[in-house]
Amino acid sequence: MILDEAPACDRHESMVPMRLRTMHSDSSRPDVVDGLYECPECGHERRAPIRTGEAETAA
């Protein structure tokens, strides 16, 4: 699996990288895993897709 850089929390003026908490698969999109990210400073959560290695080789 190839992990993209974590997104930054949009609730801060300075760039605060979010931490990956959990990953979830979706049977309707087998090439994408959804990551649940959390901001270490304010606790804001955000989902973002994470591409798997199969998607990279198919492209």
Protein backbone atom coordinates (compact mmCIF):
# COMPACT_ATOMS: atom_id res chain seq x y z
CA MET A 1 0.00 0.00 0.00
CA ILE A 2 1.22 3.48 -0.81
CA LEU A 3 0.36 6.09 1.83
CA ASP A 4 -0.04 9.67 0.65
CA GLU A 5 1.04 12.51 2.90
CA ALA A 6 -1.44 13.28 5.63
CA PRO A 7 -3.75 16.22 4.95
CA ALA A 8 -3.35 19.42 6.94
CA CYS A 9 -6.08 20.51 9.33
CA ASP A 10 -8.01 23.38 7.77
CA ARG A 11 -8.99 24.82 11.17
CA HIS A 12 -5.54 26.34 11.81
CA GLU A 13 -3.73 29.25 10.17
CA SER A 14 -0.41 27.41 10.31
CA MET A 15 -0.04 23.99 8.71
CA VAL A 16 -0.85 21.26 11.25
CA PRO A 17 -0.54 17.76 9.73
CA MET A 18 -3.29 15.37 10.75
CA ARG A 19 -2.57 11.86 12.06
CA LEU A 20 -3.99 8.71 10.53
CA ARG A 21 -6.27 7.00 13.07
CA THR A 22 -7.95 4.20 11.12
CA MET A 23 -8.31 2.87 7.59
CA HIS A 24 -11.53 1.49 6.10
CA SER A 25 -12.09 -0.44 2.88
CA ASP A 26 -15.10 0.06 0.62
CA SER A 27 -16.34 -2.93 -1.41
CA SER A 28 -17.71 -0.61 -4.11
CA ARG A 29 -14.21 0.92 -4.61
CA PRO A 30 -11.65 -1.88 -4.13
CA ASP A 31 -8.73 0.31 -5.27
CA VAL A 32 -9.36 2.94 -2.58
CA VAL A 33 -9.03 2.75 1.20
CA ASP A 34 -10.56 5.58 3.23
CA GLY A 35 -8.36 6.96 5.98
CA LEU A 36 -9.79 8.68 9.04
CA TYR A 37 -7.41 11.45 10.10
CA GLU A 38 -7.43 13.42 13.37
CA CYS A 39 -5.79 16.74 14.20
CA PRO A 40 -3.46 16.35 17.21
CA GLU A 41 -4.15 19.94 18.34
CA CYS A 42 -7.94 20.34 18.11
CA GLY A 43 -9.30 16.81 17.58
CA HIS A 44 -11.00 17.65 14.25
CA GLU A 45 -11.56 14.49 12.17
CA ARG A 46 -11.54 14.18 8.39
CA ARG A 47 -11.81 11.31 5.92
CA ALA A 48 -9.55 11.16 2.89
CA PRO A 49 -8.98 8.41 0.32
CA ILE A 50 -5.69 6.51 0.28
CA ARG A 51 -4.72 4.83 -2.99
CA THR A 52 -3.54 1.23 -2.86
CA GLY A 53 -0.66 -0.22 -4.88
CA GLU A 54 -3.08 -1.93 -7.30
CA ALA A 55 -4.43 1.45 -8.40
CA GLU A 56 -0.91 2.72 -9.07
CA THR A 57 0.03 -0.21 -11.29
CA ALA A 58 -3.26 -0.08 -13.22
CA ALA A 59 -2.83 3.60 -14.08
